[in-house]
């Protein structure tokens, strides 16, 4: 897989037609590192299926991956285990039809159940997972729902390293470094393997998040 360097992320050249360098250079509108610009790039070219998103670990508007989608009248589900940002968001989305914010804890095994309870469509356009733990397990165990594009937080300790290594949810590089790491989460290489098994291609990496796109969504082999 050839990768194109774009500021501080790596873009899969297979999907160069989705890359808008000028848009990316504008910087993030709400998200922390420009994730919302990447989302904007993708759906500017590829027609959304139903304009529905699920944002796990949504935090608040000021660091949101999905607030630009809300501004574009997408519907979706905002989830956070912290009550404070959820209360703040609820105030902001009062007049946004189809957007719900819930205060609940997503475990490695309960996302299917949550989405069923919230009447989310089985296939939807965008999923963001940022829980600071167990992101890998959450996506791995999501079997009843199928997002077209996924943004998932990964281990920042292996920047630019796409090799698959063992994973310990508490600190995945501990056994290799011999001491507690500042970074936790699955490595990009390991999540790449999971994505491929689920029918996704790696799209790009940006600081602490990796994007994946469903091959059947863009009709590529």
N, C-alpha and C. Protein backbone atom coordinates (compact mmCIF):
# COMPACT_ATOMS: atom_id res chain seq x y z
N UNK A 1 0.84 -1.20 0.00
CA UNK A 1 0.00 0.00 0.00
C UNK A 1 0.87 1.25 0.00
N UNK A 2 0.78 2.02 -1.06
CA UNK A 2 1.53 3.26 -1.14
C UNK A 2 0.83 4.32 -0.31
N UNK A 3 1.62 5.12 0.45
CA UNK A 3 1.03 6.15 1.28
C UNK A 3 1.52 7.52 0.86
N UNK A 4 0.62 8.47 0.84
CA UNK A 4 0.96 9.85 0.52
C UNK A 4 1.04 10.64 1.81
N UNK A 5 2.10 11.42 1.97
CA UNK A 5 2.23 12.24 3.17
C UNK A 5 1.46 13.53 3.00
N UNK A 6 0.53 13.79 3.90
CA UNK A 6 -0.27 15.02 3.84
C UNK A 6 -0.21 15.66 5.22
N UNK A 7 0.63 16.65 5.37
CA UNK A 7 0.85 17.35 6.62
C UNK A 7 1.22 16.32 7.69
N UNK A 8 0.32 15.91 8.57
CA UNK A 8 0.71 14.97 9.61
C UNK A 8 -0.11 13.68 9.54
N UNK A 9 -0.56 13.32 8.36
CA UNK A 9 -1.26 12.04 8.23
C UNK A 9 -0.77 11.31 7.00
N UNK A 10 -1.08 10.04 6.92
CA UNK A 10 -0.71 9.20 5.79
C UNK A 10 -1.98 8.79 5.06
N UNK A 11 -2.01 9.08 3.77
CA UNK A 11 -3.21 8.82 2.98
C UNK A 11 -2.94 7.67 2.01
N UNK A 12 -3.85 6.72 1.94
CA UNK A 12 -3.74 5.59 1.03
C UNK A 12 -3.91 6.08 -0.41
N UNK A 13 -2.90 5.89 -1.25
CA UNK A 13 -2.94 6.41 -2.61
C UNK A 13 -4.06 5.78 -3.45
N UNK A 14 -4.55 4.65 -3.01
CA UNK A 14 -5.69 4.02 -3.70
C UNK A 14 -6.90 4.94 -3.69
N UNK A 15 -6.96 5.80 -2.68
CA UNK A 15 -8.09 6.71 -2.53
C UNK A 15 -7.66 8.17 -2.68
N UNK A 16 -6.68 8.39 -3.54
CA UNK A 16 -6.20 9.75 -3.74
C UNK A 16 -7.30 10.66 -4.27
N UNK A 17 -8.26 10.09 -4.99
CA UNK A 17 -9.34 10.90 -5.55
C UNK A 17 -10.23 11.52 -4.46
N UNK A 18 -10.13 11.03 -3.24
CA UNK A 18 -10.90 11.61 -2.14
C UNK A 18 -10.15 12.74 -1.43
N UNK A 19 -8.88 12.87 -1.74
CA UNK A 19 -8.02 13.81 -1.01
C UNK A 19 -8.15 15.23 -1.56
N UNK A 20 -8.47 16.15 -0.69
CA UNK A 20 -8.58 17.57 -1.04
C UNK A 20 -7.57 18.32 -0.17
N UNK A 21 -6.40 18.55 -0.71
CA UNK A 21 -5.32 19.15 0.07
C UNK A 21 -5.68 20.56 0.55
N UNK A 22 -6.33 21.32 -0.29
CA UNK A 22 -6.68 22.69 0.07
C UNK A 22 -7.67 22.73 1.22
N UNK A 23 -8.64 21.83 1.20
CA UNK A 23 -9.61 21.76 2.29
C UNK A 23 -8.91 21.36 3.59
N UNK A 24 -8.01 20.39 3.50
CA UNK A 24 -7.30 19.94 4.70
C UNK A 24 -6.45 21.05 5.30
N UNK A 25 -5.85 21.86 4.45
CA UNK A 25 -4.98 22.92 4.92
C UNK A 25 -5.74 24.02 5.67
N UNK A 26 -7.03 24.06 5.52
CA UNK A 26 -7.83 25.04 6.26
C UNK A 26 -7.81 24.77 7.75
N UNK A 27 -7.44 23.54 8.11
CA UNK A 27 -7.41 23.18 9.52
C UNK A 27 -8.78 22.77 10.03
N UNK A 28 -8.83 22.23 11.23
CA UNK A 28 -10.10 21.74 11.78
C UNK A 28 -11.09 22.87 12.03
N UNK A 29 -12.35 22.55 11.85
CA UNK A 29 -13.40 23.49 12.21
C UNK A 29 -13.81 23.28 13.66
N UNK A 30 -14.01 22.03 14.04
CA UNK A 30 -14.34 21.69 15.42
C UNK A 30 -13.40 20.63 15.99
N UNK A 31 -13.04 19.66 15.19
CA UNK A 31 -12.29 18.51 15.70
C UNK A 31 -10.89 18.89 16.13
N UNK A 32 -10.24 17.98 16.81
CA UNK A 32 -8.95 18.28 17.43
C UNK A 32 -7.82 18.43 16.41
N UNK A 33 -7.78 17.53 15.42
CA UNK A 33 -6.64 17.50 14.51
C UNK A 33 -7.01 17.69 13.04
N UNK A 34 -8.28 17.87 12.74
CA UNK A 34 -8.70 17.98 11.35
C UNK A 34 -9.51 16.80 10.88
N UNK A 35 -9.97 15.97 11.82
CA UNK A 35 -10.78 14.82 11.45
C UNK A 35 -12.05 15.24 10.71
N UNK A 36 -12.63 16.37 11.13
CA UNK A 36 -13.86 16.80 10.47
C UNK A 36 -13.62 17.20 9.01
N UNK A 37 -12.41 17.67 8.69
CA UNK A 37 -12.09 17.99 7.30
C UNK A 37 -11.98 16.72 6.47
N UNK A 38 -11.42 15.67 7.05
CA UNK A 38 -11.32 14.39 6.34
C UNK A 38 -12.72 13.84 6.05
N UNK A 39 -13.60 13.92 7.04
CA UNK A 39 -14.98 13.47 6.85
C UNK A 39 -15.63 14.28 5.73
N UNK A 40 -15.40 15.58 5.75
CA UNK A 40 -15.96 16.45 4.72
C UNK A 40 -15.44 16.06 3.33
N UNK A 41 -14.14 15.77 3.24
CA UNK A 41 -13.56 15.34 1.96
C UNK A 41 -14.26 14.11 1.41
N UNK A 42 -14.42 13.10 2.27
CA UNK A 42 -14.97 11.82 1.84
C UNK A 42 -16.37 11.99 1.28
N UNK A 43 -17.23 12.64 2.05
CA UNK A 43 -18.63 12.70 1.66
C UNK A 43 -18.92 13.81 0.65
N UNK A 44 -17.91 14.59 0.33
CA UNK A 44 -18.04 15.54 -0.78
C UNK A 44 -17.96 14.80 -2.11
N UNK A 45 -17.25 13.67 -2.09
CA UNK A 45 -17.04 12.88 -3.31
C UNK A 45 -17.98 11.67 -3.37
N UNK A 46 -18.09 10.97 -2.25
CA UNK A 46 -18.91 9.76 -2.20
C UNK A 46 -20.26 10.10 -1.57
N UNK A 47 -21.33 9.79 -2.26
CA UNK A 47 -22.66 10.14 -1.78
C UNK A 47 -23.01 9.36 -0.51
N UNK A 48 -23.40 10.05 0.56
CA UNK A 48 -23.80 9.35 1.78
C UNK A 48 -25.02 8.45 1.54
N UNK A 49 -25.10 7.38 2.30
CA UNK A 49 -26.22 6.46 2.18
C UNK A 49 -27.47 7.03 2.83
N UNK A 50 -27.34 7.48 4.09
CA UNK A 50 -28.51 7.98 4.82
C UNK A 50 -28.19 9.16 5.74
N UNK A 51 -26.95 9.67 5.68
CA UNK A 51 -26.54 10.81 6.49
C UNK A 51 -26.80 10.57 7.97
N UNK A 52 -26.40 9.39 8.43
CA UNK A 52 -26.55 9.03 9.84
C UNK A 52 -25.17 8.71 10.40
N UNK A 53 -24.88 9.22 11.61
CA UNK A 53 -23.59 8.98 12.26
C UNK A 53 -23.79 8.47 13.68
N UNK A 54 -22.74 7.83 14.19
CA UNK A 54 -22.67 7.44 15.60
C UNK A 54 -21.31 7.91 16.11
N UNK A 55 -21.32 8.71 17.16
CA UNK A 55 -20.09 9.30 17.70
C UNK A 55 -19.94 8.88 19.16
N UNK A 56 -19.01 7.94 19.40
CA UNK A 56 -18.79 7.39 20.73
C UNK A 56 -17.60 8.10 21.37
N UNK A 57 -17.84 8.69 22.54
CA UNK A 57 -16.82 9.53 23.15
C UNK A 57 -16.84 10.90 22.49
N UNK A 58 -18.04 11.42 22.33
CA UNK A 58 -18.25 12.63 21.52
C UNK A 58 -17.68 13.88 22.16
N UNK A 59 -17.41 13.84 23.46
CA UNK A 59 -16.90 15.02 24.18
C UNK A 59 -17.85 16.20 23.97
N UNK A 60 -17.32 17.37 23.60
CA UNK A 60 -18.19 18.54 23.44
C UNK A 60 -18.04 19.12 22.03
N UNK A 61 -18.80 20.15 21.76
CA UNK A 61 -18.79 20.75 20.44
C UNK A 61 -17.39 21.21 20.03
N UNK A 62 -16.62 21.69 20.98
CA UNK A 62 -15.34 22.31 20.67
C UNK A 62 -14.28 21.31 20.19
N UNK A 63 -14.50 20.03 20.42
CA UNK A 63 -13.54 19.02 19.95
C UNK A 63 -14.25 17.87 19.24
N UNK A 64 -15.35 18.19 18.60
CA UNK A 64 -16.20 17.16 18.00
C UNK A 64 -15.75 16.77 16.60
N UNK A 65 -15.76 15.46 16.33
CA UNK A 65 -15.52 14.98 14.98
C UNK A 65 -16.75 15.14 14.10
N UNK A 66 -17.92 15.23 14.72
CA UNK A 66 -19.16 15.14 13.94
C UNK A 66 -20.00 16.41 13.93
N UNK A 67 -19.53 17.48 14.56
CA UNK A 67 -20.39 18.67 14.62
C UNK A 67 -20.62 19.28 13.25
N UNK A 68 -19.66 19.15 12.36
CA UNK A 68 -19.87 19.66 11.00
C UNK A 68 -20.98 18.88 10.30
N UNK A 69 -21.11 17.60 10.63
CA UNK A 69 -22.20 16.80 10.05
C UNK A 69 -23.55 17.28 10.59
N UNK A 70 -23.59 17.59 11.88
CA UNK A 70 -24.82 18.12 12.47
C UNK A 70 -25.20 19.44 11.80
N UNK A 71 -24.21 20.27 11.53
CA UNK A 71 -24.47 21.53 10.84
C UNK A 71 -25.02 21.32 9.44
N UNK A 72 -24.69 20.16 8.85
CA UNK A 72 -25.18 19.84 7.50
C UNK A 72 -26.48 19.03 7.55
N UNK A 73 -27.13 19.04 8.74
CA UNK A 73 -28.43 18.40 8.93
C UNK A 73 -28.39 16.88 8.84
N UNK A 74 -27.26 16.28 9.22
CA UNK A 74 -27.23 14.84 9.39
C UNK A 74 -27.98 14.49 10.67
N UNK A 75 -28.46 13.27 10.74
CA UNK A 75 -29.02 12.75 11.99
C UNK A 75 -28.01 11.78 12.58
N UNK A 76 -28.20 11.48 13.86
CA UNK A 76 -27.24 10.56 14.45
C UNK A 76 -27.32 10.48 15.95
N UNK A 77 -26.33 9.79 16.50
CA UNK A 77 -26.31 9.48 17.92
C UNK A 77 -24.97 9.91 18.52
N UNK A 78 -25.03 10.76 19.54
CA UNK A 78 -23.86 11.21 20.29
C UNK A 78 -23.83 10.49 21.63
N UNK A 79 -22.71 9.85 21.94
CA UNK A 79 -22.60 9.04 23.15
C UNK A 79 -21.37 9.45 23.93
N UNK A 80 -21.54 9.66 25.24
CA UNK A 80 -20.39 9.90 26.10
C UNK A 80 -20.70 9.39 27.50
N UNK A 81 -19.69 8.83 28.16
CA UNK A 81 -19.89 8.32 29.52
C UNK A 81 -19.86 9.45 30.55
N UNK A 82 -19.38 10.61 30.14
CA UNK A 82 -19.31 11.78 31.03
C UNK A 82 -20.58 12.60 30.86
N UNK A 83 -21.26 12.86 31.95
CA UNK A 83 -22.55 13.54 31.90
C UNK A 83 -22.43 15.02 31.51
N UNK A 84 -21.33 15.67 31.87
CA UNK A 84 -21.20 17.10 31.61
C UNK A 84 -21.24 17.47 30.13
N UNK A 85 -20.42 16.84 29.28
CA UNK A 85 -20.50 17.20 27.86
C UNK A 85 -21.83 16.83 27.23
N UNK A 86 -22.45 15.75 27.70
CA UNK A 86 -23.75 15.36 27.15
C UNK A 86 -24.80 16.41 27.47
N UNK A 87 -24.80 16.93 28.69
CA UNK A 87 -25.77 17.99 29.05
C UNK A 87 -25.53 19.24 28.21
N UNK A 88 -24.26 19.57 27.99
CA UNK A 88 -23.92 20.73 27.16
C UNK A 88 -24.42 20.53 25.73
N UNK A 89 -24.19 19.35 25.20
CA UNK A 89 -24.60 19.05 23.82
C UNK A 89 -26.11 19.05 23.69
N UNK A 90 -26.80 18.52 24.68
CA UNK A 90 -28.26 18.49 24.62
C UNK A 90 -28.84 19.89 24.48
N UNK A 91 -28.21 20.84 25.15
CA UNK A 91 -28.66 22.23 25.04
C UNK A 91 -28.48 22.74 23.61
N UNK A 92 -27.39 22.32 22.97
CA UNK A 92 -27.07 22.82 21.64
C UNK A 92 -27.89 22.17 20.54
N UNK A 93 -28.38 20.95 20.77
CA UNK A 93 -29.09 20.23 19.70
C UNK A 93 -30.60 20.22 19.89
N UNK A 94 -31.10 21.07 20.73
CA UNK A 94 -32.54 21.06 21.02
C UNK A 94 -33.40 21.13 19.75
N UNK A 95 -32.95 21.91 18.76
CA UNK A 95 -33.74 22.09 17.55
C UNK A 95 -33.20 21.28 16.37
N UNK A 96 -32.32 20.33 16.65
CA UNK A 96 -31.76 19.50 15.60
C UNK A 96 -32.53 18.19 15.52
N UNK A 97 -33.41 18.10 14.56
CA UNK A 97 -34.21 16.89 14.40
C UNK A 97 -33.32 15.70 14.05
N UNK A 98 -33.56 14.59 14.71
CA UNK A 98 -32.85 13.37 14.36
C UNK A 98 -31.51 13.19 15.03
N UNK A 99 -31.11 14.12 15.89
CA UNK A 99 -29.84 13.99 16.62
C UNK A 99 -30.15 13.76 18.09
N UNK A 100 -29.59 12.69 18.65
CA UNK A 100 -29.82 12.36 20.06
C UNK A 100 -28.49 12.27 20.78
N UNK A 101 -28.47 12.66 22.04
CA UNK A 101 -27.27 12.59 22.87
C UNK A 101 -27.60 11.77 24.11
N UNK A 102 -26.82 10.72 24.35
CA UNK A 102 -27.10 9.86 25.50
C UNK A 102 -25.85 9.71 26.37
N UNK A 103 -26.09 9.65 27.66
CA UNK A 103 -25.03 9.49 28.65
C UNK A 103 -24.99 8.02 29.07
N UNK A 104 -24.07 7.28 28.49
CA UNK A 104 -23.95 5.87 28.82
C UNK A 104 -22.52 5.42 28.56
N UNK A 105 -22.15 4.29 29.14
CA UNK A 105 -20.80 3.77 29.00
C UNK A 105 -20.79 2.65 27.96
N UNK A 106 -20.01 2.83 26.91
CA UNK A 106 -19.89 1.80 25.88
C UNK A 106 -18.78 0.84 26.31
N UNK A 107 -19.14 -0.42 26.48
CA UNK A 107 -18.19 -1.45 26.88
C UNK A 107 -17.71 -2.18 25.62
N UNK A 108 -16.76 -3.09 25.77
CA UNK A 108 -16.31 -3.84 24.59
C UNK A 108 -17.41 -4.69 23.94
N UNK A 109 -18.53 -4.87 24.63
CA UNK A 109 -19.52 -5.82 24.13
C UNK A 109 -20.95 -5.30 23.98
N UNK A 110 -21.19 -4.00 24.23
CA UNK A 110 -22.61 -3.59 24.27
C UNK A 110 -23.04 -2.60 23.19
N UNK A 111 -22.18 -2.31 22.21
CA UNK A 111 -22.56 -1.30 21.23
C UNK A 111 -23.74 -1.76 20.36
N UNK A 112 -23.76 -3.02 19.96
CA UNK A 112 -24.91 -3.53 19.19
C UNK A 112 -26.21 -3.27 19.95
N UNK A 113 -26.21 -3.58 21.24
CA UNK A 113 -27.41 -3.41 22.07
C UNK A 113 -27.82 -1.94 22.13
N UNK A 114 -26.86 -1.05 22.32
CA UNK A 114 -27.17 0.38 22.41
C UNK A 114 -27.79 0.87 21.10
N UNK A 115 -27.20 0.48 19.98
CA UNK A 115 -27.70 0.95 18.69
C UNK A 115 -29.09 0.39 18.39
N UNK A 116 -29.35 -0.85 18.78
CA UNK A 116 -30.70 -1.42 18.64
C UNK A 116 -31.70 -0.60 19.45
N UNK A 117 -31.35 -0.30 20.70
CA UNK A 117 -32.25 0.45 21.58
C UNK A 117 -32.52 1.86 21.06
N UNK A 118 -31.57 2.44 20.33
CA UNK A 118 -31.71 3.80 19.81
C UNK A 118 -32.27 3.82 18.39
N UNK A 119 -32.66 2.65 17.89
CA UNK A 119 -33.25 2.53 16.54
C UNK A 119 -32.33 3.08 15.46
N UNK A 120 -31.05 2.86 15.61
CA UNK A 120 -30.10 3.27 14.58
C UNK A 120 -30.24 2.36 13.37
N UNK A 121 -30.04 2.90 12.17
CA UNK A 121 -30.09 2.04 10.97
C UNK A 121 -28.96 1.02 11.00
N UNK A 122 -29.22 -0.16 10.47
CA UNK A 122 -28.21 -1.22 10.52
C UNK A 122 -27.00 -0.87 9.67
N UNK A 123 -27.23 -0.12 8.62
CA UNK A 123 -26.11 0.38 7.84
C UNK A 123 -26.18 1.91 7.87
N UNK A 124 -25.09 2.54 8.26
CA UNK A 124 -25.10 3.99 8.36
C UNK A 124 -23.75 4.53 7.87
N UNK A 125 -23.63 5.84 7.76
CA UNK A 125 -22.51 6.42 7.03
C UNK A 125 -21.22 6.59 7.82
N UNK A 126 -21.29 6.94 9.11
CA UNK A 126 -20.05 7.27 9.80
C UNK A 126 -20.08 6.84 11.26
N UNK A 127 -18.99 6.22 11.70
CA UNK A 127 -18.81 5.82 13.09
C UNK A 127 -17.50 6.37 13.60
N UNK A 128 -17.54 7.05 14.74
CA UNK A 128 -16.33 7.52 15.41
C UNK A 128 -16.23 6.86 16.78
N UNK A 129 -15.07 6.26 17.08
CA UNK A 129 -14.86 5.59 18.37
C UNK A 129 -13.65 6.20 19.06
N UNK A 130 -13.89 6.89 20.16
CA UNK A 130 -12.82 7.52 20.93
C UNK A 130 -13.19 7.42 22.41
N UNK A 131 -12.82 6.29 23.02
CA UNK A 131 -13.20 6.03 24.41
C UNK A 131 -12.00 6.02 25.34
N UNK A 132 -10.80 6.19 24.79
CA UNK A 132 -9.55 6.11 25.56
C UNK A 132 -9.33 4.73 26.15
N UNK A 133 -10.03 3.75 25.64
CA UNK A 133 -9.82 2.35 26.03
C UNK A 133 -10.76 1.46 25.22
N UNK A 134 -10.28 0.30 24.86
CA UNK A 134 -11.10 -0.75 24.25
C UNK A 134 -11.73 -0.37 22.91
N UNK A 135 -11.17 0.61 22.21
CA UNK A 135 -11.72 0.95 20.89
C UNK A 135 -11.70 -0.27 19.95
N UNK A 136 -10.58 -1.00 20.00
CA UNK A 136 -10.42 -2.17 19.14
C UNK A 136 -11.53 -3.19 19.40
N UNK A 137 -11.76 -3.49 20.68
CA UNK A 137 -12.79 -4.48 21.03
C UNK A 137 -14.19 -4.00 20.65
N UNK A 138 -14.44 -2.71 20.83
CA UNK A 138 -15.76 -2.16 20.51
C UNK A 138 -16.07 -2.38 19.04
N UNK A 139 -15.10 -2.07 18.17
CA UNK A 139 -15.36 -2.27 16.73
C UNK A 139 -15.38 -3.75 16.38
N UNK A 140 -14.47 -4.52 16.95
CA UNK A 140 -14.42 -5.95 16.65
C UNK A 140 -15.74 -6.64 16.97
N UNK A 141 -16.35 -6.25 18.09
CA UNK A 141 -17.58 -6.91 18.54
C UNK A 141 -18.85 -6.27 18.00
N UNK A 142 -18.72 -5.25 17.16
CA UNK A 142 -19.88 -4.68 16.48
C UNK A 142 -20.18 -5.56 15.27
N UNK A 143 -21.24 -6.36 15.35
CA UNK A 143 -21.52 -7.34 14.30
C UNK A 143 -22.87 -7.14 13.62
N UNK A 144 -23.77 -6.41 14.26
CA UNK A 144 -25.12 -6.26 13.71
C UNK A 144 -25.30 -4.96 12.93
N UNK A 145 -24.30 -4.08 13.01
CA UNK A 145 -24.38 -2.78 12.35
C UNK A 145 -23.14 -2.57 11.49
N UNK A 146 -23.31 -1.83 10.41
CA UNK A 146 -22.23 -1.70 9.44
C UNK A 146 -22.06 -0.24 9.00
N UNK A 147 -21.11 0.46 9.59
CA UNK A 147 -20.83 1.84 9.14
C UNK A 147 -20.06 1.83 7.82
N UNK A 148 -20.25 2.85 7.02
CA UNK A 148 -19.52 2.96 5.75
C UNK A 148 -18.12 3.51 5.94
N UNK A 149 -17.96 4.42 6.89
CA UNK A 149 -16.66 5.01 7.21
C UNK A 149 -16.47 4.95 8.71
N UNK A 150 -15.27 4.59 9.14
CA UNK A 150 -14.96 4.47 10.57
C UNK A 150 -13.74 5.31 10.89
N UNK A 151 -13.82 6.06 11.99
CA UNK A 151 -12.67 6.77 12.55
C UNK A 151 -12.46 6.19 13.94
N UNK A 152 -11.27 5.67 14.21
CA UNK A 152 -11.02 4.99 15.47
C UNK A 152 -9.70 5.45 16.07
N UNK A 153 -9.71 5.70 17.37
CA UNK A 153 -8.49 6.11 18.06
C UNK A 153 -7.54 4.92 18.21
N UNK A 154 -6.26 5.15 17.97
CA UNK A 154 -5.26 4.09 18.04
C UNK A 154 -4.12 4.50 18.96
N UNK A 155 -3.18 3.59 19.11
CA UNK A 155 -2.02 3.83 19.97
C UNK A 155 -1.09 4.85 19.33
N UNK A 156 -0.85 5.96 19.99
CA UNK A 156 0.01 7.01 19.44
C UNK A 156 1.50 6.66 19.56
N UNK A 157 1.80 5.62 20.30
CA UNK A 157 3.19 5.26 20.50
C UNK A 157 3.84 4.60 19.30
N UNK A 158 3.08 4.29 18.26
CA UNK A 158 3.65 3.63 17.09
C UNK A 158 3.39 4.45 15.83
N UNK A 159 3.58 5.76 15.92
CA UNK A 159 3.32 6.65 14.80
C UNK A 159 4.11 6.21 13.57
N UNK A 160 3.40 6.00 12.48
CA UNK A 160 4.02 5.62 11.23
C UNK A 160 4.39 4.15 11.13
N UNK A 161 4.16 3.39 12.19
CA UNK A 161 4.49 1.96 12.20
C UNK A 161 3.22 1.16 11.98
N UNK A 162 3.15 0.49 10.84
CA UNK A 162 1.92 -0.24 10.50
C UNK A 162 2.03 -1.73 10.79
N UNK A 163 3.08 -2.14 11.51
CA UNK A 163 3.22 -3.56 11.82
C UNK A 163 2.21 -3.96 12.89
N UNK A 164 1.74 -5.18 12.79
CA UNK A 164 0.84 -5.72 13.79
C UNK A 164 1.65 -6.27 14.97
N UNK A 165 1.33 -5.83 16.20
CA UNK A 165 1.98 -6.39 17.38
C UNK A 165 0.92 -6.80 18.39
N UNK A 166 1.34 -7.53 19.40
CA UNK A 166 0.40 -7.96 20.43
C UNK A 166 -0.26 -6.76 21.09
N UNK A 167 -1.42 -7.00 21.67
CA UNK A 167 -2.20 -5.90 22.23
C UNK A 167 -2.65 -6.21 23.64
N UNK A 168 -2.30 -5.33 24.56
CA UNK A 168 -2.77 -5.36 25.93
C UNK A 168 -3.60 -4.10 26.12
N UNK A 169 -4.91 -4.20 26.34
CA UNK A 169 -5.76 -3.01 26.39
C UNK A 169 -5.31 -1.94 27.37
N UNK A 170 -4.61 -2.33 28.43
CA UNK A 170 -4.21 -1.33 29.42
C UNK A 170 -3.02 -0.49 28.95
N UNK A 171 -2.13 -1.10 28.17
CA UNK A 171 -0.95 -0.38 27.66
C UNK A 171 -0.26 -1.30 26.66
N UNK A 172 -0.61 -1.17 25.40
CA UNK A 172 -0.26 -2.21 24.43
C UNK A 172 1.23 -2.32 24.14
N UNK A 173 2.02 -1.34 24.52
CA UNK A 173 3.45 -1.43 24.27
C UNK A 173 4.24 -1.81 25.53
N UNK A 174 3.56 -2.13 26.60
CA UNK A 174 4.22 -2.37 27.88
C UNK A 174 5.27 -3.49 27.78
N UNK A 175 4.91 -4.61 27.18
CA UNK A 175 5.80 -5.76 27.16
C UNK A 175 7.03 -5.52 26.29
N UNK A 176 6.94 -4.55 25.39
CA UNK A 176 8.07 -4.26 24.52
C UNK A 176 8.99 -3.20 25.11
N UNK A 177 8.44 -2.27 25.84
CA UNK A 177 9.23 -1.19 26.42
C UNK A 177 9.76 -1.55 27.81
N UNK A 178 9.12 -2.50 28.47
CA UNK A 178 9.56 -2.91 29.78
C UNK A 178 9.15 -1.96 30.89
N UNK A 179 8.37 -0.97 30.54
CA UNK A 179 7.86 -0.05 31.54
C UNK A 179 6.52 0.49 31.07
N UNK A 180 5.77 1.07 31.98
CA UNK A 180 4.45 1.59 31.64
C UNK A 180 4.56 2.66 30.55
N UNK A 181 3.75 2.52 29.52
CA UNK A 181 3.78 3.48 28.42
C UNK A 181 2.77 4.60 28.68
N UNK A 182 3.04 5.77 28.10
CA UNK A 182 2.07 6.86 28.19
C UNK A 182 0.91 6.65 27.23
N UNK A 183 1.07 5.71 26.30
CA UNK A 183 0.07 5.51 25.28
C UNK A 183 -0.64 4.17 25.50
N UNK A 184 -1.91 4.14 25.21
CA UNK A 184 -2.64 2.89 25.29
C UNK A 184 -3.48 2.73 24.05
N UNK A 185 -4.06 1.58 23.87
CA UNK A 185 -4.87 1.32 22.69
C UNK A 185 -4.16 0.42 21.71
N UNK A 186 -4.93 -0.15 20.80
CA UNK A 186 -4.38 -1.06 19.79
C UNK A 186 -3.54 -0.30 18.78
N UNK A 187 -2.54 -0.96 18.24
CA UNK A 187 -1.69 -0.34 17.23
C UNK A 187 -2.42 -0.24 15.90
N UNK A 188 -1.97 0.67 15.05
CA UNK A 188 -2.58 0.85 13.73
C UNK A 188 -2.53 -0.45 12.94
N UNK A 189 -1.41 -1.15 13.01
CA UNK A 189 -1.28 -2.40 12.27
C UNK A 189 -2.32 -3.42 12.67
N UNK A 190 -2.59 -3.53 13.96
CA UNK A 190 -3.58 -4.49 14.43
C UNK A 190 -4.99 -4.09 13.99
N UNK A 191 -5.30 -2.80 14.07
CA UNK A 191 -6.61 -2.34 13.63
C UNK A 191 -6.75 -2.49 12.11
N UNK A 192 -5.65 -2.30 11.37
CA UNK A 192 -5.68 -2.54 9.93
C UNK A 192 -6.10 -3.97 9.61
N UNK A 193 -5.56 -4.91 10.38
CA UNK A 193 -5.89 -6.32 10.17
C UNK A 193 -7.38 -6.57 10.43
N UNK A 194 -7.90 -6.01 11.51
CA UNK A 194 -9.32 -6.15 11.82
C UNK A 194 -10.17 -5.52 10.71
N UNK A 195 -9.78 -4.34 10.27
CA UNK A 195 -10.52 -3.65 9.22
C UNK A 195 -10.60 -4.48 7.95
N UNK A 196 -9.48 -5.05 7.56
CA UNK A 196 -9.45 -5.87 6.35
C UNK A 196 -10.39 -7.06 6.47
N UNK A 197 -10.40 -7.68 7.64
CA UNK A 197 -11.29 -8.83 7.87
C UNK A 197 -12.76 -8.42 7.79
N UNK A 198 -13.05 -7.16 8.13
CA UNK A 198 -14.42 -6.67 8.10
C UNK A 198 -14.81 -6.08 6.74
N UNK A 199 -13.87 -6.04 5.80
CA UNK A 199 -14.17 -5.54 4.47
C UNK A 199 -13.89 -4.07 4.27
N UNK A 200 -12.95 -3.52 5.07
CA UNK A 200 -12.59 -2.11 4.99
C UNK A 200 -11.15 -1.95 4.51
N UNK A 201 -10.89 -0.81 3.88
CA UNK A 201 -9.54 -0.41 3.56
C UNK A 201 -9.10 0.70 4.50
N UNK A 202 -7.82 0.67 4.85
CA UNK A 202 -7.20 1.80 5.54
C UNK A 202 -7.28 3.00 4.60
N UNK A 203 -7.70 4.15 5.12
CA UNK A 203 -7.76 5.37 4.32
C UNK A 203 -6.64 6.34 4.71
N UNK A 204 -6.57 6.69 6.00
CA UNK A 204 -5.51 7.61 6.42
C UNK A 204 -5.34 7.57 7.93
N UNK A 205 -4.20 8.08 8.35
CA UNK A 205 -3.89 8.19 9.78
C UNK A 205 -3.63 9.65 10.09
N UNK A 206 -4.14 10.12 11.23
CA UNK A 206 -3.90 11.50 11.63
C UNK A 206 -3.75 11.57 13.14
N UNK A 207 -2.54 11.76 13.60
CA UNK A 207 -2.16 11.91 15.00
C UNK A 207 -2.59 10.71 15.84
N UNK A 208 -3.81 10.67 16.32
CA UNK A 208 -4.25 9.56 17.18
C UNK A 208 -5.43 8.80 16.60
N UNK A 209 -5.81 9.12 15.38
CA UNK A 209 -6.98 8.47 14.77
C UNK A 209 -6.65 7.91 13.40
N UNK A 210 -7.30 6.80 13.08
CA UNK A 210 -7.17 6.20 11.75
C UNK A 210 -8.57 6.09 11.14
N UNK A 211 -8.64 6.38 9.84
CA UNK A 211 -9.90 6.28 9.11
C UNK A 211 -9.90 5.03 8.23
N UNK A 212 -11.06 4.40 8.15
CA UNK A 212 -11.26 3.24 7.29
C UNK A 212 -12.52 3.44 6.47
N UNK A 213 -12.53 2.88 5.27
CA UNK A 213 -13.69 3.02 4.39
C UNK A 213 -14.10 1.64 3.87
N UNK A 214 -15.39 1.39 3.90
CA UNK A 214 -15.93 0.10 3.47
C UNK A 214 -15.75 -0.06 1.96
N UNK A 215 -15.11 -1.16 1.55
CA UNK A 215 -14.85 -1.34 0.13
C UNK A 215 -16.13 -1.38 -0.69
N UNK A 216 -17.18 -2.01 -0.16
CA UNK A 216 -18.43 -2.10 -0.90
C UNK A 216 -19.13 -0.74 -1.01
N UNK A 217 -18.81 0.19 -0.12
CA UNK A 217 -19.41 1.52 -0.14
C UNK A 217 -18.91 2.32 -1.33
N UNK A 218 -17.65 2.13 -1.68
CA UNK A 218 -17.07 2.86 -2.81
C UNK A 218 -16.84 1.95 -4.02
N UNK A 219 -17.33 0.71 -3.93
CA UNK A 219 -17.29 -0.23 -5.04
C UNK A 219 -15.89 -0.46 -5.59
N UNK A 220 -14.97 -0.77 -4.68
CA UNK A 220 -13.61 -1.11 -5.11
C UNK A 220 -13.32 -2.55 -4.69
N UNK A 221 -12.48 -3.27 -5.46
CA UNK A 221 -12.17 -4.67 -5.12
C UNK A 221 -11.32 -4.76 -3.85
